[in-house]
Protein backbone atom coordinates (compact mmCIF):
# COMPACT_ATOMS: atom_id res chain seq x y z
CA MET A 1 -5.96 -198.60 0.10
CA LEU A 2 -7.15 -200.25 3.25
CA TYR A 3 -3.93 -199.90 5.71
CA LYS A 4 -4.64 -195.74 4.63
CA ILE A 5 -8.42 -196.42 6.09
CA ALA A 6 -7.04 -198.29 9.09
CA TYR A 7 -4.25 -195.32 9.94
CA ILE A 8 -6.67 -193.07 9.37
CA LEU A 9 -10.08 -194.64 11.80
CA PHE A 10 -6.90 -196.01 14.50
CA TRP A 11 -4.64 -192.46 14.69
CA PRO A 12 -7.19 -189.93 16.83
CA ILE A 13 -8.27 -193.83 18.13
CA PHE A 14 -5.33 -193.52 19.68
CA LYS A 15 -3.80 -190.04 20.12
CA ILE A 16 -6.67 -189.04 22.36
CA PHE A 17 -7.65 -192.13 24.51
CA TYR A 18 -4.50 -194.12 24.75
CA ARG A 19 -2.14 -190.78 24.66
CA ILE A 20 0.64 -191.96 21.55
CA ARG A 21 3.46 -190.51 21.27
CA PHE A 22 6.76 -191.73 19.38
CA VAL A 23 9.71 -190.95 21.48
CA GLY A 24 12.91 -191.46 18.13
CA LYS A 25 10.75 -191.48 15.13
CA GLU A 26 13.28 -188.37 13.70
CA ASN A 27 15.53 -191.77 13.17
CA LEU A 28 13.58 -194.15 11.21
CA PRO A 29 14.44 -193.89 7.62
CA GLY A 30 11.78 -192.62 4.70
CA GLU A 31 13.24 -194.97 2.15
CA GLY A 32 15.23 -198.53 1.92
CA PRO A 33 14.23 -202.24 3.50
CA VAL A 34 14.28 -201.79 7.15
CA LEU A 35 13.79 -204.34 9.71
CA ILE A 36 11.32 -204.08 13.11
CA VAL A 37 12.08 -206.42 15.28
CA SER A 38 9.37 -205.76 18.64
CA ASN A 39 8.62 -207.06 21.10
CA HIS A 40 5.13 -207.92 21.39
CA ALA A 41 3.11 -207.37 24.16
CA SER A 42 -0.36 -206.32 23.95
CA TYR A 43 -2.44 -207.18 20.17
CA ILE A 44 -2.38 -203.83 19.39
CA ASP A 45 1.26 -203.79 18.78
CA PRO A 46 1.27 -204.54 15.93
CA ILE A 47 -1.49 -200.80 14.96
CA CYS A 48 0.63 -198.48 16.92
CA LEU A 49 4.23 -199.71 14.29
CA GLY A 50 2.33 -199.19 11.73
CA LEU A 51 1.18 -195.50 13.30
CA ALA A 52 4.78 -194.90 13.73
CA PHE A 53 5.55 -194.97 10.13
CA PRO A 54 2.68 -192.60 8.82
CA LYS A 55 4.37 -192.17 5.60
CA ARG A 56 5.05 -196.07 5.24
CA GLN A 57 3.61 -199.54 4.83
CA ILE A 58 4.54 -202.22 6.86
CA HIS A 59 4.92 -205.66 6.10
CA PHE A 60 3.90 -207.85 9.25
CA MET A 61 4.36 -210.73 9.59
CA ALA A 62 1.57 -212.57 11.78
CA LYS A 63 1.44 -216.82 12.92
CA ASP A 64 -0.25 -218.70 10.35
CA ASP A 65 -3.58 -219.74 13.37
CA LEU A 66 -4.75 -216.09 12.64
CA PHE A 67 -4.72 -217.30 8.53
CA ARG A 68 -6.82 -220.02 8.96
CA MET A 69 -10.01 -217.39 10.73
CA PRO A 70 -12.10 -217.01 8.65
CA MET A 71 -12.82 -212.79 8.62
CA LEU A 72 -8.57 -212.32 9.71
CA LYS A 73 -7.65 -215.16 6.25
CA GLN A 74 -9.30 -211.74 4.09
CA LEU A 75 -8.84 -208.62 5.87
CA LEU A 76 -4.80 -209.48 6.99
CA PRO A 77 -3.04 -210.25 3.89
CA ARG A 78 -4.80 -206.36 2.67
CA VAL A 79 -2.69 -205.43 5.81
CA ASN A 80 0.77 -205.91 3.95
CA ALA A 81 0.47 -209.51 6.48
CA PHE A 82 1.98 -212.94 5.55
CA PRO A 83 1.72 -216.14 7.70
CA VAL A 84 4.57 -217.17 9.86
CA LYS A 85 4.31 -220.82 11.47
CA ARG A 86 5.59 -220.62 14.53
CA GLU A 87 6.26 -223.82 15.62
CA SER A 88 9.55 -224.55 13.66
CA SER A 89 11.68 -222.62 11.10
CA ASP A 90 9.44 -221.45 8.67
CA ARG A 91 11.86 -221.04 5.15
CA LYS A 92 8.79 -219.80 2.72
CA ALA A 93 8.33 -216.90 5.42
CA LEU A 94 11.89 -216.30 5.61
CA LYS A 95 12.42 -215.95 1.72
CA GLU A 96 8.91 -213.39 1.50
CA ALA A 97 10.17 -211.44 4.53
CA LEU A 98 13.29 -211.17 2.34
CA LYS A 99 11.79 -210.98 -1.10
CA ARG A 100 10.04 -208.10 0.27
CA LEU A 101 12.69 -205.76 1.93
CA LYS A 102 14.58 -206.58 -1.17
CA ALA A 103 12.11 -204.66 -2.90
CA GLY A 104 12.63 -201.72 0.03
CA GLU A 105 9.92 -202.11 2.42
CA VAL A 106 9.32 -202.42 5.65
CA VAL A 107 9.09 -205.62 7.95
CA ALA A 108 7.88 -206.11 11.03
CA ILE A 109 9.32 -208.97 13.02
CA PHE A 110 7.98 -210.44 16.47
CA PRO A 111 10.53 -213.09 18.12
CA GLU A 112 9.07 -213.79 21.17
């Protein structure tokens, strides 16, 4: 629910102020598992990815540090984010990503 509210809130802001547009959007699959591997140059990158997939919700791998912040700890799971430890191989996060992909979801990672 929060994911849809965020989409409705952010779409006009990004369309008007950032003049966001997506090239090649027709190539995005409408169903089935999708793995998005993206650069992460700004804090708004996850929002932009979410706006690119209006019909599907993206499940984000997010650094575990964010889940230690009281407000984000409550918010991130509601927008389909799950923690990943960046300083080592995080098997738990990889298993979670695979589980979501097997369920036909869209999973986004920022490998940098």
